[in-house]
Amino acid sequence: MKNLPIEIKIVYITAIIVMMLFVGFIIFVVVIYNRKQLLNLKEKQLKEAEYQNQLLQKELEKQRSIEQERERISHDMHDDLGAGISALKLQAEFLRQRAEDVELQNDIDELLKTSEEMNISMREMLWSLNSGNDTLERFIDYTTLYAGNFLKKTKIVLRQECKEIVAETAISTEQRRNLFLCLKEAINNAYKYSQASQLKLSFSQNADLFIMEISDNGKGIPEECQEGNGLRNMKRRMDELNGGCIITSDKTGTSLLFRITL
């Protein structure tokens, strides 16, 4: 290049400078384009985040509305229905004291029994409606208390076991209600038919999987009863929760295992 004429050198250098400017311009355009794309992407992400936040707010408002309605129904039931049942019981007890006919006394006793059953059912519904009970800890405490009260006048000894339970884990009202009704049915069947001396409640948790098992040391479920209404109802309730119900039974006892995803 040293031997080239000055004019050619100037042309050569000019070409290099133009090429460098062109490459720089291309780089500049690419940078501006990428920056614009990045800004558009960020704007899109912000709009998506805002939209998701709006959806979340709407869902939270919906949940708050549902909880408020549950609380209102709960208070109405307690104030109106509860007061009515209490008044009915008092009136029946008053009539029972005045009745002299034995048959009439027996009828009044049945009325008192029915009113007490209604009172218990109402308390269970109030428990189901109370959003403050939507945790595993509250569910386990309530079901264990129910089982203890049910069996305390029987010869069946109650045992309870909890494994890896995270107390504040949320459980929906529907899940609580269906699991509790399954437990009621299972305990009632054990009391009536199993001839068991022990009944064990086991609760365990593995991440979002919750398992409740009710087992006894009774005589097992006869083959002709293994497709009875009670067992079918339990399986149906678990199906409604997209859960599972596993029943195992032999001459050494019966085990009912209920599994749901929280």
Protein backbone atom coordinates (compact mmCIF):
# COMPACT_ATOMS: atom_id res chain seq x y z
CA MET A 1 0.00 0.00 0.00
CA LYS A 2 3.04 2.25 0.49
CA ASN A 3 3.70 2.29 -3.24
CA LEU A 4 0.12 3.17 -4.21
CA PRO A 5 -0.65 6.65 -5.50
CA ILE A 6 -2.02 9.13 -2.97
CA GLU A 7 -5.37 9.29 -4.80
CA ILE A 8 -5.88 5.53 -4.51
CA LYS A 9 -4.89 5.67 -0.86
CA ILE A 10 -7.49 8.35 -0.23
CA VAL A 11 -10.15 6.33 -2.02
CA TYR A 12 -9.17 3.23 -0.10
CA ILE A 13 -9.26 5.00 3.28
CA THR A 14 -12.55 6.67 2.38
CA ALA A 15 -14.06 3.27 1.51
CA ILE A 16 -12.92 1.87 4.83
CA ILE A 17 -14.41 4.83 6.71
CA VAL A 18 -17.70 4.53 4.81
CA MET A 19 -17.79 0.81 5.51
CA MET A 20 -17.13 1.41 9.22
CA LEU A 21 -19.85 4.07 9.29
CA PHE A 22 -22.24 1.71 7.55
CA VAL A 23 -21.44 -1.11 9.99
CA GLY A 24 -21.85 1.33 12.86
CA PHE A 25 -25.17 2.47 11.45
CA ILE A 26 -26.34 -1.16 11.17
CA ILE A 27 -25.28 -1.82 14.76
CA PHE A 28 -27.06 1.36 15.85
CA VAL A 29 -30.27 0.31 14.06
CA VAL A 30 -30.08 -3.18 15.58
CA VAL A 31 -29.53 -1.77 19.08
CA ILE A 32 -32.45 0.66 18.66
CA TYR A 33 -34.67 -2.13 17.32
CA ASN A 34 -33.74 -4.51 20.14
CA ARG A 35 -34.30 -1.77 22.68
CA LYS A 36 -37.71 -1.05 21.21
CA GLN A 37 -38.55 -4.75 21.23
CA LEU A 38 -37.39 -4.98 24.85
CA LEU A 39 -39.54 -2.00 25.80
CA ASN A 40 -42.51 -3.53 23.99
CA LEU A 41 -41.90 -6.83 25.80
CA LYS A 42 -41.71 -5.08 29.16
CA GLU A 43 -44.86 -3.12 28.38
CA LYS A 44 -46.61 -6.34 27.40
CA GLN A 45 -45.41 -8.05 30.59
CA LEU A 46 -46.63 -5.10 32.67
CA LYS A 47 -50.03 -5.22 30.99
CA GLU A 48 -50.21 -8.99 31.57
CA ALA A 49 -49.19 -8.56 35.20
CA GLU A 50 -51.80 -5.83 35.63
CA TYR A 51 -54.44 -8.07 34.03
CA GLN A 52 -53.49 -10.99 36.29
CA ASN A 53 -53.59 -8.67 39.28
CA GLN A 54 -57.09 -7.53 38.31
CA LEU A 55 -58.20 -11.15 38.01
CA LEU A 56 -56.68 -11.88 41.41
CA GLN A 57 -58.44 -8.89 42.96
CA LYS A 58 -61.75 -10.02 41.47
CA GLU A 59 -61.22 -13.53 42.83
CA LEU A 60 -60.33 -12.17 46.27
CA GLU A 61 -63.44 -9.98 46.23
CA LYS A 62 -65.50 -13.01 45.21
CA GLN A 63 -64.02 -15.06 48.07
CA ARG A 64 -64.66 -12.26 50.55
CA SER A 65 -68.25 -12.03 49.33
CA ILE A 66 -68.69 -15.78 49.73
CA GLU A 67 -67.21 -15.68 53.24
CA GLN A 68 -69.47 -12.80 54.22
CA GLU A 69 -72.49 -14.71 52.95
CA ARG A 70 -71.40 -17.80 54.84
CA GLU A 71 -71.05 -15.77 58.01
CA ARG A 72 -74.49 -14.20 57.48
CA ILE A 73 -76.14 -17.60 57.00
CA SER A 74 -74.27 -18.93 60.03
CA HIS A 75 -75.50 -16.07 62.23
CA ASP A 76 -79.06 -16.40 60.94
CA MET A 77 -79.08 -20.13 61.62
CA HIS A 78 -77.67 -19.64 65.10
CA ASP A 79 -80.06 -16.84 66.02
CA ASP A 80 -83.26 -18.09 64.38
CA LEU A 81 -83.05 -21.85 63.98
CA GLY A 82 -81.02 -22.36 67.14
CA ALA A 83 -83.45 -20.32 69.22
CA GLY A 84 -86.39 -22.20 67.70
CA ILE A 85 -84.91 -25.61 68.52
CA SER A 86 -84.12 -24.50 72.08
CA ALA A 87 -87.68 -23.24 72.55
CA LEU A 88 -89.04 -26.53 71.19
CA LYS A 89 -86.91 -28.53 73.62
CA LEU A 90 -88.01 -26.44 76.59
CA GLN A 91 -91.67 -26.81 75.64
CA ALA A 92 -91.30 -30.57 75.17
CA GLU A 93 -89.55 -30.93 78.54
CA PHE A 94 -92.35 -28.94 80.17
CA LEU A 95 -94.98 -31.19 78.59
CA ARG A 96 -92.97 -34.27 79.59
CA GLN A 97 -93.17 -33.25 83.24
CA ARG A 98 -96.94 -32.75 83.04
CA ALA A 99 -97.78 -35.82 80.98
CA GLU A 100 -99.20 -38.75 82.94
CA ASP A 101 -99.87 -41.14 80.07
CA VAL A 102 -96.88 -43.44 79.51
CA GLU A 103 -97.39 -43.59 75.76
CA LEU A 104 -97.53 -39.79 75.58
CA GLN A 105 -94.35 -39.57 77.65
CA ASN A 106 -92.61 -41.90 75.18
CA ASP A 107 -93.75 -39.74 72.26
CA ILE A 108 -92.40 -36.64 73.98
CA ASP A 109 -89.12 -38.43 74.64
CA GLU A 110 -88.86 -39.13 70.91
CA LEU A 111 -89.56 -35.47 70.23
CA LEU A 112 -86.79 -34.46 72.64
CA LYS A 113 -84.41 -36.92 70.97
CA THR A 114 -85.24 -35.54 67.53
CA SER A 115 -84.76 -31.94 68.67
CA GLU A 116 -81.38 -32.84 70.16
CA GLU A 117 -80.34 -34.49 66.88
CA MET A 118 -81.44 -31.36 65.02
CA ASN A 119 -79.41 -29.24 67.40
CA ILE A 120 -76.31 -31.37 66.79
CA SER A 121 -76.82 -31.22 63.00
CA MET A 122 -77.18 -27.45 63.19
CA ARG A 123 -73.90 -27.13 65.13
CA GLU A 124 -72.18 -29.26 62.51
CA MET A 125 -73.50 -27.03 59.73
CA LEU A 126 -72.37 -23.92 61.61
CA TRP A 127 -68.91 -25.46 61.92
CA SER A 128 -68.89 -26.16 58.18
CA LEU A 129 -69.91 -22.62 57.30
CA ASN A 130 -67.35 -20.93 59.54
CA SER A 131 -64.41 -19.92 57.33
CA GLY A 132 -62.22 -19.77 60.43
CA ASN A 133 -62.24 -23.57 60.42
CA ASP A 134 -60.68 -23.89 56.94
CA THR A 135 -57.39 -25.37 58.18
CA LEU A 136 -56.21 -28.92 58.79
CA GLU A 137 -55.63 -28.17 62.47
CA ARG A 138 -59.25 -27.10 63.01
CA PHE A 139 -60.57 -30.03 60.99
CA ILE A 140 -58.52 -32.60 62.92
CA ASP A 141 -59.42 -31.06 66.29
CA TYR A 142 -63.14 -31.05 65.49
CA THR A 143 -63.31 -34.58 64.07
CA THR A 144 -61.27 -35.99 66.95
CA LEU A 145 -63.57 -34.25 69.45
CA TYR A 146 -66.63 -35.59 67.64
CA ALA A 147 -65.28 -39.14 67.61
CA GLY A 148 -64.38 -38.94 71.30
CA ASN A 149 -67.83 -37.68 72.28
CA PHE A 150 -69.52 -40.31 70.14
CA LEU A 151 -67.53 -43.22 71.55
CA LYS A 152 -67.19 -42.15 75.19
CA LYS A 153 -70.38 -43.99 76.19
CA THR A 154 -69.39 -47.15 74.32
CA LYS A 155 -66.84 -49.87 74.98
CA ILE A 156 -64.72 -48.78 72.01
CA VAL A 157 -61.41 -47.14 72.92
CA LEU A 158 -60.39 -44.28 70.62
CA ARG A 159 -56.79 -43.73 69.53
CA GLN A 160 -55.52 -40.86 67.40
CA GLU A 161 -52.36 -40.31 65.38
CA CYS A 162 -51.04 -37.37 63.32
CA LYS A 163 -48.06 -37.48 60.95
CA GLU A 164 -46.37 -34.51 59.26
CA ILE A 165 -49.43 -32.27 59.61
CA VAL A 166 -48.86 -28.59 58.75
CA ALA A 167 -51.46 -27.02 61.03
CA GLU A 168 -52.30 -23.94 58.94
CA THR A 169 -52.69 -25.79 55.63
CA ALA A 170 -55.91 -24.62 53.97
CA ILE A 171 -58.76 -27.07 53.40
CA SER A 172 -61.94 -25.97 51.64
CA THR A 173 -65.42 -26.01 53.16
CA GLU A 174 -66.53 -28.68 50.70
CA GLN A 175 -63.56 -30.88 51.54
CA ARG A 176 -64.11 -30.49 55.29
CA ARG A 177 -67.82 -31.23 55.00
CA ASN A 178 -67.46 -34.37 52.87
CA LEU A 179 -64.56 -35.78 54.89
CA PHE A 180 -66.47 -35.18 58.12
CA LEU A 181 -69.59 -36.92 56.80
CA CYS A 182 -67.45 -39.88 55.76
CA LEU A 183 -65.96 -40.01 59.23
CA LYS A 184 -69.41 -39.88 60.84
CA GLU A 185 -70.61 -42.77 58.69
CA ALA A 186 -67.49 -44.82 59.38
CA ILE A 187 -67.65 -44.35 63.16
CA ASN A 188 -71.36 -45.07 63.27
CA ASN A 189 -70.86 -48.29 61.27
CA ALA A 190 -67.98 -49.36 63.53
CA TYR A 191 -70.17 -48.80 66.60
CA LYS A 192 -73.18 -50.66 65.19
CA TYR A 193 -71.63 -53.58 63.35
CA SER A 194 -67.91 -54.11 63.94
CA GLN A 195 -67.92 -55.47 67.52
CA ALA A 196 -64.55 -53.73 67.82
CA SER A 197 -62.83 -52.80 71.08
CA GLN A 198 -60.53 -50.19 69.49
CA LEU A 199 -60.86 -47.55 66.80
CA LYS A 200 -57.94 -45.54 65.45
CA LEU A 201 -58.02 -42.17 63.67
CA SER A 202 -54.91 -41.43 61.63
CA PHE A 203 -54.18 -38.16 59.85
CA SER A 204 -51.16 -37.62 57.61
CA GLN A 205 -49.96 -35.04 55.10
CA ASN A 206 -47.45 -35.16 52.28
CA ALA A 207 -47.19 -31.72 50.63
CA ASP A 208 -50.69 -31.11 49.23
CA LEU A 209 -51.88 -34.70 49.79
CA PHE A 210 -54.02 -35.26 52.90
CA ILE A 211 -54.99 -38.72 54.15
CA MET A 212 -57.52 -39.65 56.83
CA GLU A 213 -57.70 -43.29 57.87
CA ILE A 214 -60.26 -44.88 60.20
CA SER A 215 -59.46 -48.42 61.30
CA ASP A 216 -60.86 -50.84 63.88
CA ASN A 217 -60.08 -54.29 65.23
CA GLY A 218 -63.57 -55.69 64.70
CA LYS A 219 -64.96 -58.63 62.77
CA GLY A 220 -64.76 -56.97 59.35
CA ILE A 221 -67.45 -56.16 56.80
CA PRO A 222 -69.53 -59.13 55.59
CA GLU A 223 -69.40 -59.66 51.82
CA GLU A 224 -73.11 -58.95 51.42
CA CYS A 225 -72.62 -55.52 53.06
CA GLN A 226 -69.51 -54.38 51.18
CA GLU A 227 -71.61 -52.58 48.57
CA GLY A 228 -74.08 -51.02 51.00
CA ASN A 229 -75.41 -47.47 50.74
CA GLY A 230 -73.07 -46.12 53.41
CA LEU A 231 -69.90 -47.31 51.66
CA ARG A 232 -71.19 -46.19 48.27
CA ASN A 233 -71.91 -42.74 49.71
CA MET A 234 -68.37 -42.48 51.04
CA LYS A 235 -66.90 -43.32 47.63
CA ARG A 236 -69.27 -40.87 45.95
CA ARG A 237 -68.24 -38.06 48.30
CA MET A 238 -64.56 -38.73 47.58
CA ASP A 239 -65.24 -38.81 43.85
CA GLU A 240 -66.86 -35.36 44.15
CA LEU A 241 -63.60 -34.11 45.68
CA ASN A 242 -61.49 -35.84 43.00
CA GLY A 243 -60.10 -37.91 45.84
CA GLY A 244 -60.06 -41.59 46.70
CA CYS A 245 -61.61 -44.03 49.15
CA ILE A 246 -59.90 -47.35 49.80
CA ILE A 247 -61.73 -49.96 51.90
CA THR A 248 -59.93 -53.04 53.23
CA SER A 249 -61.62 -55.52 55.51
CA ASP A 250 -61.06 -59.01 56.88
CA LYS A 251 -61.68 -60.94 60.09
CA THR A 252 -59.08 -58.85 61.96
CA GLY A 253 -60.76 -55.51 61.28
CA THR A 254 -61.65 -52.83 58.78
CA SER A 255 -59.70 -49.88 57.41
CA LEU A 256 -61.22 -46.92 55.54
CA LEU A 257 -58.66 -44.64 53.90
CA PHE A 258 -59.74 -41.28 52.46
CA ARG A 259 -57.33 -39.31 50.28
CA ILE A 260 -57.70 -35.79 48.85
CA THR A 261 -55.52 -33.17 47.21
CA LEU A 262 -55.66 -29.87 49.07
